[in-house]
Amino acid sequence: MLYRFLQFILPPFTFRVYYRRIFYSNLNRVPLDKPILFVGNHQNSFLDGILVGSYLTRPIHFTMRADMFRNRLASFLLRELNVSPVYRLEEGYGNVHRNTEAFNAIYDILRKNGNYIMFSEGVCIQEKRIHKLRKGTARLAFFAAEQYGLDVHVVPVGINYTYPAQFRKEVMISFHDAFSIREMIDLYKSSPAKAFLRFNEKCTEGLKKEVIIIEDPKNDWLAEELLKMERNNIVHPFFRWMFRSDDRRMAEKLVADRINHLSQENSQERDSLEARVREYTGLLSREGLKDVNIARKADLGWLRYFALIAGIPVFIAGYVLNLIPFLVPPALTKKLIKDSRFTSGFYVSAGTVLCLIWFLLGFAIAVVKAGWTGIPIAAAIPLLGYLALFYRENFRERLDRFRFVMKSLRNKSLIQDLRNRRMEIQKVLNSIEIPAVTVYP
């Protein structure tokens, strides 16, 4: 019941507010009529699984470490959210035998052609890398096939955030081709250890094709700047929120693969590229300019300036009427959450609960004060709040564009220099030829 309620609330409302854009692609690769184990990379606590499952046609199930179930209320809520406990060695060897009961519950779901999402890395780390997969998912899949004859299909799924802990950023979710556990059942019968290893290798191969990876941490800064430049090359419809295309993720992955390849093959060229990027971004910073305005054609955007002026009353009304939902969740998150891995999850949870209370309260007051005519008034409260978000983003974008226009009128040579620098950086990046299949260490 709780899961269905949240599925009704989170995808169309909460995620629409929290994420500026969601790219959800390649769902056609998922055999939804089969028992499925999704294997995903893990960057953003429980939000990873919720995002993957929010747009599936069937409910998704999760596993979580068993110590989270110790509190009776927490245990009830987690089970209502389709979460099953799993006992790890870290929680005491004596508890591992209790996994038999936990796994039986998982097998019951799989026998009904249900699904689970597994984060086989075993850790949640906010970086553009994949870590060694543990064997638990492989054991689960092979046992389901051996004991229950289930044709479990495994689907690697890449979860890519622009900035996982920040409000109004973007997430890209992409499904890889599924494989059946029966492909490896003969290997499992002859050598379980080799079967586990092959299973993890196959999952890792799939994840590496779906996840934007920066292999060497020394390239993190360079990669982030080049990824921002790539994002600025792409113009998305201003109000559109959900995308089924994989073009955006593939564009960013190509940038990451080129950086990885250059770093491996030519360290001097890599250092030269970083020097160019540092000079370019440093000049932008000193002049108070943004790369997005260098990347795109000069456009005064008079319609958007007009919208800013005409939309002032809408913004004020939306902001004032939603003052509590706007201010309290980020304040609580900043005060209570110190680990960035849990920032988004807490923000989304607190924001959802607070907004529901706030809007129900507004609805009750509007109906009491204005009768049935209060219903459209109450419905306008969240709509005005949503429009206020777009107004704020449009204001910032137009302010940056105005600064750019003023700077270009006073100093055309500076703008031309910045454009030339950017073109040279793009030329160097685009000239990097990578193998058809990128080899990762």
Protein backbone atom coordinates (compact mmCIF):
# COMPACT_ATOMS: atom_id res chain seq x y z
CA MET A 1 0.00 0.00 0.00
CA LEU A 2 2.74 2.47 0.97
CA TYR A 3 4.80 1.56 -2.10
CA ARG A 4 1.85 2.15 -4.43
CA PHE A 5 1.09 5.47 -2.77
CA LEU A 6 4.68 6.65 -3.18
CA GLN A 7 4.77 5.40 -6.76
CA PHE A 8 1.78 7.65 -7.39
CA ILE A 9 3.51 10.62 -5.70
CA LEU A 10 7.24 10.39 -6.46
CA PRO A 11 7.62 10.00 -10.26
CA PRO A 12 5.08 12.58 -11.46
CA PHE A 13 5.44 15.11 -8.66
CA THR A 14 8.48 14.81 -6.36
CA PHE A 15 11.01 13.84 -9.02
CA ARG A 16 9.61 16.42 -11.40
CA VAL A 17 10.47 19.05 -8.80
CA TYR A 18 13.75 17.66 -7.48
CA TYR A 19 15.35 16.77 -10.85
CA ARG A 20 15.60 19.30 -13.65
CA ARG A 21 15.66 16.50 -16.21
CA ILE A 22 15.50 12.70 -16.18
CA PHE A 23 16.80 10.62 -19.09
CA TYR A 24 15.34 7.09 -18.93
CA SER A 25 16.46 5.02 -21.89
CA ASN A 26 16.64 1.53 -23.40
CA LEU A 27 13.74 0.11 -21.38
CA ASN A 28 12.93 -2.00 -24.46
CA ARG A 29 15.93 -4.16 -23.54
CA VAL A 30 14.26 -5.32 -20.32
CA PRO A 31 12.24 -8.60 -20.52
CA LEU A 32 9.51 -7.49 -18.14
CA ASP A 33 7.72 -10.85 -18.42
CA LYS A 34 10.66 -12.67 -16.81
CA PRO A 35 12.04 -12.82 -13.25
CA ILE A 36 14.66 -10.06 -13.22
CA LEU A 37 17.66 -9.08 -11.16
CA PHE A 38 18.73 -5.55 -12.01
CA VAL A 39 22.40 -4.95 -11.21
CA GLY A 40 23.18 -1.26 -10.82
CA ASN A 41 26.04 0.98 -9.83
CA HIS A 42 25.47 2.75 -6.52
CA GLN A 43 25.97 6.48 -5.93
CA ASN A 44 22.94 7.85 -4.14
CA SER A 45 21.68 5.64 -1.28
CA PHE A 46 18.11 4.37 -1.67
CA LEU A 47 17.22 6.88 -4.41
CA ASP A 48 19.15 4.78 -6.96
CA GLY A 49 16.69 1.91 -6.72
CA ILE A 50 13.62 4.13 -6.54
CA LEU A 51 14.66 5.98 -9.69
CA VAL A 52 15.27 2.75 -11.60
CA GLY A 53 11.89 1.33 -10.59
CA SER A 54 9.73 4.42 -10.79
CA TYR A 55 9.02 4.09 -14.50
CA LEU A 56 8.78 0.31 -14.79
CA THR A 57 5.39 -1.24 -15.43
CA ARG A 58 5.86 -3.63 -12.50
CA PRO A 59 6.77 -2.87 -8.85
CA ILE A 60 10.45 -3.08 -8.06
CA HIS A 61 11.85 -4.73 -4.93
CA PHE A 62 14.98 -3.93 -2.98
CA THR A 63 17.40 -5.46 -0.53
CA MET A 64 18.93 -3.60 2.40
CA ARG A 65 21.35 -4.50 5.16
CA ALA A 66 19.54 -6.19 8.02
CA ASP A 67 20.57 -3.79 10.79
CA MET A 68 18.18 -1.21 9.26
CA PHE A 69 15.27 -3.49 10.29
CA ARG A 70 16.03 -3.55 14.03
CA ASN A 71 13.46 -0.88 14.86
CA ARG A 72 9.93 -2.29 14.67
CA LEU A 73 8.46 0.76 12.95
CA ALA A 74 11.38 0.95 10.49
CA SER A 75 10.99 -2.76 9.74
CA PHE A 76 7.26 -2.32 9.01
CA LEU A 77 7.83 0.69 6.74
CA LEU A 78 10.69 -0.93 4.84
CA ARG A 79 8.70 -4.08 4.16
CA GLU A 80 5.79 -1.94 2.97
CA LEU A 81 8.25 -0.40 0.51
CA ASN A 82 9.18 -3.84 -0.90
CA VAL A 83 12.53 -3.95 0.93
CA SER A 84 13.96 -7.28 2.08
CA PRO A 85 16.72 -7.65 4.71
CA VAL A 86 20.07 -9.19 3.84
CA TYR A 87 22.61 -10.21 6.50
CA ARG A 88 26.24 -9.43 5.78
CA LEU A 89 29.45 -10.72 7.35
CA GLU A 90 30.06 -7.18 8.63
CA GLU A 91 27.02 -7.60 10.90
CA GLY A 92 28.32 -10.80 12.49
CA TYR A 93 28.98 -14.25 11.09
CA GLY A 94 26.30 -15.72 13.36
CA ASN A 95 23.58 -13.85 11.50
CA VAL A 96 24.51 -14.98 8.00
CA HIS A 97 22.48 -18.19 8.33
CA ARG A 98 19.36 -16.03 8.63
CA ASN A 99 19.79 -15.17 4.96
CA THR A 100 18.05 -18.45 4.13
CA GLU A 101 14.76 -16.98 5.32
CA ALA A 102 15.49 -13.66 3.63
CA PHE A 103 16.39 -15.31 0.32
CA ASN A 104 13.26 -17.46 0.40
CA ALA A 105 11.21 -14.26 0.42
CA ILE A 106 13.20 -13.04 -2.60
CA TYR A 107 12.65 -16.31 -4.46
CA ASP A 108 8.91 -16.04 -3.82
CA ILE A 109 8.92 -12.68 -5.61
CA LEU A 110 11.01 -14.01 -8.50
CA ARG A 111 8.72 -17.02 -8.93
CA LYS A 112 5.93 -14.54 -9.69
CA ASN A 113 8.08 -12.92 -12.42
CA GLY A 114 8.91 -10.13 -10.02
CA ASN A 115 12.19 -8.27 -9.86
CA TYR A 116 14.85 -7.02 -7.50
CA ILE A 117 17.49 -4.39 -7.92
CA MET A 118 20.87 -5.35 -6.51
CA PHE A 119 23.80 -3.04 -5.83
CA SER A 120 26.53 -5.62 -6.02
CA GLU A 121 29.35 -3.16 -5.34
CA GLY A 122 28.23 -3.32 -1.72
CA VAL A 123 29.10 0.34 -1.12
CA CYS A 124 27.63 3.67 -2.07
CA ILE A 125 30.31 6.04 -3.39
CA GLN A 126 29.67 9.27 -5.27
CA GLU A 127 32.29 9.07 -7.95
CA LYS A 128 32.34 8.18 -11.63
CA ARG A 129 33.86 4.76 -11.16
CA ILE A 130 32.70 1.15 -10.81
CA HIS A 131 33.98 -0.96 -7.95
CA LYS A 132 34.52 -4.70 -7.76
CA LEU A 133 31.23 -6.58 -7.54
CA ARG A 134 30.54 -8.92 -4.65
CA LYS A 135 29.32 -12.49 -5.14
CA GLY A 136 25.97 -12.27 -3.35
CA THR A 137 23.91 -11.47 -6.44
CA ALA A 138 25.51 -14.32 -8.38
CA ARG A 139 24.78 -16.79 -5.57
CA LEU A 140 21.18 -15.62 -5.46
CA ALA A 141 20.69 -15.97 -9.21
CA PHE A 142 22.29 -19.42 -9.51
CA PHE A 143 20.43 -20.79 -6.51
CA ALA A 144 17.12 -19.57 -7.97
CA ALA A 145 17.90 -21.43 -11.19
CA GLU A 146 19.20 -24.58 -9.49
CA GLN A 147 16.57 -25.00 -6.78
CA TYR A 148 13.50 -23.51 -8.39
CA GLY A 149 14.25 -23.78 -12.12
CA LEU A 150 13.77 -20.04 -12.57
CA ASP A 151 14.93 -18.44 -15.79
CA VAL A 152 16.30 -15.39 -14.00
CA HIS A 153 17.32 -12.60 -16.36
CA VAL A 154 20.02 -10.21 -15.26
CA VAL A 155 19.92 -6.60 -16.46
CA PRO A 156 22.88 -4.29 -15.78
CA VAL A 157 21.58 -0.74 -15.35
CA GLY A 158 23.69 2.41 -15.36
CA ILE A 159 22.69 5.27 -13.06
CA ASN A 160 24.48 8.52 -13.91
CA TYR A 161 24.00 11.79 -12.06
CA THR A 162 25.37 15.16 -13.07
CA TYR A 163 25.59 16.09 -9.36
CA PRO A 164 23.99 13.41 -7.15
CA ALA A 165 23.68 15.51 -3.99
CA GLN A 166 22.31 18.71 -5.55
CA PHE A 167 18.78 19.99 -6.09
CA ARG A 168 17.48 20.58 -9.65
CA LYS A 169 20.22 18.62 -11.39
CA GLU A 170 19.94 15.69 -13.81
CA VAL A 171 20.02 11.91 -13.81
CA MET A 172 20.50 9.48 -16.70
CA ILE A 173 19.33 5.87 -16.36
CA SER A 174 20.14 3.35 -19.08
CA PHE A 175 19.40 -0.38 -19.26
CA HIS A 176 21.83 -2.83 -20.83
CA ASP A 177 20.96 -6.02 -22.70
CA ALA A 178 19.65 -8.76 -20.43
CA PHE A 179 21.25 -12.18 -20.12
CA SER A 180 19.74 -15.39 -18.77
CA ILE A 181 21.37 -17.17 -15.85
CA ARG A 182 20.82 -20.40 -17.77
CA GLU A 183 23.68 -19.38 -20.06
CA MET A 184 26.08 -20.17 -17.20
CA ILE A 185 24.30 -22.99 -15.41
CA ASP A 186 26.58 -25.69 -16.83
CA LEU A 187 29.63 -23.75 -15.71
CA TYR A 188 28.04 -23.38 -12.27
CA LYS A 189 27.53 -27.13 -11.96
CA SER A 190 31.17 -27.84 -12.78
CA SER A 191 32.74 -24.90 -10.91
CA PRO A 192 30.61 -22.50 -8.83
CA ALA A 193 33.61 -20.24 -8.21
CA LYS A 194 34.27 -19.80 -11.93
CA ALA A 195 30.54 -19.24 -12.54
CA PHE A 196 30.42 -16.49 -9.90
CA LEU A 197 33.45 -14.86 -11.48
CA ARG A 198 31.97 -15.03 -14.99
CA PHE A 199 28.64 -13.68 -13.73
CA ASN A 200 30.35 -10.65 -12.18
CA GLU A 201 32.49 -10.14 -15.27
CA LYS A 202 29.39 -10.10 -17.49
CA CYS A 203 27.60 -7.66 -15.18
CA THR A 204 30.68 -5.44 -15.05
CA GLU A 205 30.98 -5.48 -18.84
CA GLY A 206 27.38 -4.30 -19.10
CA LEU A 207 27.79 -1.62 -16.46
CA LYS A 208 30.90 -0.24 -18.12
CA LYS A 209 28.89 0.33 -21.28
CA GLU A 210 26.10 2.16 -19.44
CA VAL A 211 27.98 4.10 -16.76
CA ILE A 212 29.97 7.28 -17.39
CA ILE A 213 33.36 6.28 -15.98
CA ILE A 214 36.47 8.30 -15.18
CA GLU A 215 39.07 5.65 -14.44
CA ASP A 216 41.79 7.73 -12.82
CA PRO A 217 40.81 10.13 -9.99
CA LYS A 218 43.48 12.58 -11.20
CA ASN A 219 41.23 13.20 -14.23
CA ASP A 220 38.13 14.09 -12.18
CA TRP A 221 38.52 17.87 -12.46
CA LEU A 222 39.36 17.81 -16.17
CA ALA A 223 36.50 15.43 -16.89
CA GLU A 224 33.97 17.54 -15.02
CA GLU A 225 34.91 20.70 -16.91
CA LEU A 226 34.77 18.94 -20.28
CA LEU A 227 31.47 17.29 -19.38
CA LYS A 228 30.01 20.69 -18.50
CA MET A 229 31.15 21.97 -21.87
CA GLU A 230 29.50 19.01 -23.59
CA ARG A 231 26.24 19.66 -21.75
CA ASN A 232 26.36 23.26 -22.89
CA ASN A 233 26.60 22.09 -26.49
CA ILE A 234 23.14 20.54 -26.17
CA VAL A 235 19.98 22.63 -26.06
CA HIS A 236 16.99 20.96 -24.43
CA PRO A 237 13.39 22.25 -24.50
CA PHE A 238 13.06 24.57 -21.51
CA PHE A 239 9.98 23.02 -19.91
CA ARG A 240 10.50 19.41 -20.95
CA TRP A 241 11.42 17.16 -18.05
CA MET A 242 11.37 13.48 -19.10
CA PHE A 243 13.44 12.14 -22.03
CA ARG A 244 13.48 8.60 -23.43
CA SER A 245 16.46 9.25 -25.70
CA ASP A 246 19.93 7.96 -24.86
CA ASP A 247 21.75 10.64 -26.87
CA ARG A 248 22.67 12.77 -23.86
CA ARG A 249 24.26 9.92 -21.90
CA MET A 250 26.13 8.65 -24.95
CA ALA A 251 27.53 12.13 -25.60
CA GLU A 252 28.85 12.40 -22.04
CA LYS A 253 30.18 8.85 -22.11
CA LEU A 254 32.13 9.58 -25.28
CA VAL A 255 33.80 12.53 -23.53
CA ALA A 256 34.72 10.32 -20.56
CA ASP A 257 36.04 7.53 -22.80
CA ARG A 258 38.21 9.99 -24.70
CA ILE A 259 39.71 11.33 -21.49
CA ASN A 260 40.41 7.81 -20.25
CA HIS A 261 42.04 6.83 -23.53
CA LEU A 262 44.14 9.98 -23.76
CA SER A 263 45.32 9.60 -20.18
CA GLN A 264 46.45 6.04 -20.89
CA GLU A 265 48.06 6.65 -24.29
CA ASN A 266 49.55 10.14 -24.14
CA SER A 267 50.07 11.75 -20.74
CA GLN A 268 51.76 14.81 -22.26
CA GLU A 269 48.80 15.52 -24.54
CA ARG A 270 46.50 14.96 -21.61
CA ASP A 271 48.43 17.51 -19.50
CA SER A 272 48.40 19.94 -22.40
CA LEU A 273 44.63 19.62 -22.70
CA GLU A 274 44.18 20.22 -18.98
CA ALA A 275 46.36 23.33 -19.21
CA ARG A 276 44.14 24.68 -22.01
CA VAL A 277 41.01 23.99 -19.99
CA ARG A 278 42.45 25.65 -16.87
CA GLU A 279 43.36 28.74 -18.83
CA TYR A 280 39.92 28.89 -20.42
CA THR A 281 37.90 28.32 -17.25
CA GLY A 282 40.16 30.65 -15.30
CA LEU A 283 39.55 33.45 -17.81
CA LEU A 284 35.80 32.82 -17.66
CA SER A 285 35.87 33.02 -13.88
CA ARG A 286 37.88 36.25 -13.81
CA GLU A 287 35.49 37.88 -16.28
CA GLY A 288 32.36 36.63 -14.52
CA LEU A 289 31.17 34.70 -17.57
CA LYS A 290 29.72 31.22 -18.12
CA ASP A 291 30.74 28.65 -20.71
CA VAL A 292 27.14 28.16 -21.81
CA ASN A 293 27.08 31.66 -23.28
CA ILE A 294 30.31 31.08 -25.18
CA ALA A 295 29.00 27.77 -26.50
CA ARG A 296 25.75 29.05 -27.95
CA LYS A 297 24.90 31.72 -30.47
CA ALA A 298 24.34 35.20 -29.11
CA ASP A 299 20.63 35.58 -28.55
CA LEU A 300 19.10 38.41 -26.56
CA GLY A 301 16.04 36.24 -25.92
CA TRP A 302 13.63 39.13 -25.66
CA LEU A 303 10.73 36.76 -25.08
CA ARG A 304 12.40 35.40 -21.98
CA TYR A 305 13.19 38.89 -20.70
CA PHE A 306 9.55 39.78 -21.23
CA ALA A 307 8.55 36.59 -19.39
CA LEU A 308 10.72 37.68 -16.46
CA ILE A 309 8.92 40.98 -16.18
CA ALA A 310 5.44 39.60 -16.76
CA GLY A 311 6.09 36.65 -14.46
CA ILE A 312 7.08 38.65 -11.38
CA PRO A 313 3.59 38.39 -9.81
CA VAL A 314 3.51 34.65 -10.52
CA PHE A 315 6.92 34.17 -8.95
CA ILE A 316 6.05 36.19 -5.84
CA ALA A 317 2.75 34.36 -5.39
CA GLY A 318 4.35 30.95 -5.98
CA TYR A 319 7.26 31.63 -3.66
CA VAL A 320 5.16 33.08 -0.82
CA LEU A 321 2.50 30.37 -1.00
CA ASN A 322 5.21 27.67 -0.99
CA LEU A 323 7.64 29.34 1.38
CA ILE A 324 7.73 26.44 3.85
CA PRO A 325 8.29 23.69 1.21
CA PHE A 326 10.96 25.87 -0.44
CA LEU A 327 12.95 26.71 2.69
CA VAL A 328 12.53 23.90 5.23
CA PRO A 329 13.74 20.77 3.35
CA PRO A 330 17.13 22.27 2.33
CA ALA A 331 17.59 23.75 5.81
CA LEU A 332 16.84 20.44 7.51
CA THR A 333 19.08 18.56 5.09
CA LYS A 334 21.98 20.92 5.69
CA LYS A 335 21.55 20.71 9.46
CA LEU A 336 20.96 16.98 9.86
CA ILE A 337 22.78 15.26 6.98
CA LYS A 338 26.57 15.41 6.82
CA ASP A 339 27.16 12.53 4.40
CA SER A 340 26.49 13.63 0.80
CA ARG A 341 25.42 10.08 -0.11
CA PHE A 342 22.23 10.60 1.89
CA THR A 343 21.60 14.26 1.04
CA SER A 344 19.25 13.68 -1.88
CA GLY A 345 17.38 10.85 -0.18
CA PHE A 346 16.69 12.91 2.92
CA TYR A 347 15.81 16.00 0.90
CA VAL A 348 13.35 14.05 -1.26
CA SER A 349 11.79 12.31 1.76
CA ALA A 350 11.48 15.46 3.87
CA GLY A 351 10.26 17.52 0.93
CA THR A 352 7.62 14.95 -0.07
CA VAL A 353 6.19 14.63 3.45
CA LEU A 354 6.25 18.37 4.10
CA CYS A 355 4.65 19.21 0.74
CA LEU A 356 1.87 16.69 1.28
CA ILE A 357 1.10 18.19 4.70
CA TRP A 358 1.39 21.73 3.38
CA PHE A 359 -0.85 21.20 0.37
CA LEU A 360 -3.48 19.27 2.34
CA LEU A 361 -3.50 22.07 4.89
CA GLY A 362 -3.85 24.65 2.10
CA PHE A 363 -6.64 22.60 0.55
CA ALA A 364 -8.54 22.41 3.84
CA ILE A 365 -8.18 26.14 4.51
CA ALA A 366 -9.22 27.07 0.97
CA VAL A 367 -12.32 24.86 1.08
CA VAL A 368 -13.34 26.12 4.53
CA LYS A 369 -12.89 29.77 3.55
CA ALA A 370 -14.20 29.67 -0.01
CA GLY A 371 -16.27 26.50 -0.25
CA TRP A 372 -16.10 24.54 -3.50
CA THR A 373 -14.54 27.51 -5.27
CA GLY A 374 -11.54 27.01 -2.99
CA ILE A 375 -10.60 23.79 -4.78
CA PRO A 376 -9.02 25.47 -7.84
CA ILE A 377 -7.34 27.96 -5.49
CA ALA A 378 -5.79 25.10 -3.51
CA ALA A 379 -4.75 23.33 -6.73
CA ALA A 380 -2.98 26.51 -7.87
CA ILE A 381 -0.62 26.48 -4.85
CA PRO A 382 1.69 23.64 -6.05
CA LEU A 383 1.38 24.77 -9.67
CA LEU A 384 2.53 28.29 -8.78
CA GLY A 385 5.39 26.81 -6.76
CA TYR A 386 6.49 24.75 -9.76
CA LEU A 387 6.36 27.80 -12.03
CA ALA A 388 8.40 29.73 -9.44
CA LEU A 389 11.20 27.17 -9.86
CA PHE A 390 11.29 27.79 -13.61
CA TYR A 391 11.14 31.53 -13.07
CA ARG A 392 14.18 31.37 -10.79
CA GLU A 393 16.10 29.31 -13.33
CA ASN A 394 15.11 31.60 -16.17
CA PHE A 395 16.14 34.62 -14.10
CA ARG A 396 19.61 33.21 -13.47
CA GLU A 397 20.01 32.20 -17.11
CA ARG A 398 18.92 35.63 -18.38
CA LEU A 399 21.15 37.42 -15.87
CA ASP A 400 24.16 35.44 -17.07
CA ARG A 401 23.19 36.14 -20.69
CA PHE A 402 22.80 39.87 -19.97
CA ARG A 403 26.28 40.00 -18.43
CA PHE A 404 27.64 38.22 -21.48
CA VAL A 405 25.94 40.64 -23.90
CA MET A 406 27.23 43.67 -21.99
CA LYS A 407 30.73 42.20 -21.89
CA SER A 408 30.65 41.38 -25.61
CA LEU A 409 29.61 44.95 -26.45
CA ARG A 410 32.48 46.41 -24.42
CA ASN A 411 35.14 43.86 -25.28
CA LYS A 412 34.53 41.92 -28.49
CA SER A 413 38.13 40.72 -28.62
CA LEU A 414 37.73 39.01 -25.24
CA ILE A 415 34.68 37.08 -26.40
CA GLN A 416 36.39 36.09 -29.63
CA ASP A 417 39.43 34.93 -27.66
CA LEU A 418 37.21 32.81 -25.41
CA ARG A 419 35.43 31.32 -28.40
CA ASN A 420 38.74 30.48 -30.05
CA ARG A 421 40.01 28.85 -26.87
CA ARG A 422 36.85 26.80 -26.56
CA MET A 423 37.01 25.71 -30.20
CA GLU A 424 40.61 24.57 -29.73
CA ILE A 425 39.66 22.53 -26.66
CA GLN A 426 36.77 20.92 -28.53
CA LYS A 427 39.03 20.25 -31.52
CA VAL A 428 41.61 18.47 -29.36
CA LEU A 429 38.93 16.44 -27.57
CA ASN A 430 37.16 15.44 -30.79
CA SER A 431 40.43 14.38 -32.39
CA ILE A 432 40.99 11.67 -29.78
CA GLU A 433 40.31 8.36 -31.47
CA ILE A 434 39.28 5.57 -29.16
CA PRO A 435 39.00 1.84 -29.93
CA ALA A 436 35.59 0.52 -30.94
CA VAL A 437 35.45 -1.22 -27.58
CA THR A 438 37.14 0.75 -24.84
CA VAL A 439 39.30 -1.47 -22.65
CA TYR A 440 39.23 -0.65 -18.94
CA PRO A 441 41.85 -1.88 -16.53
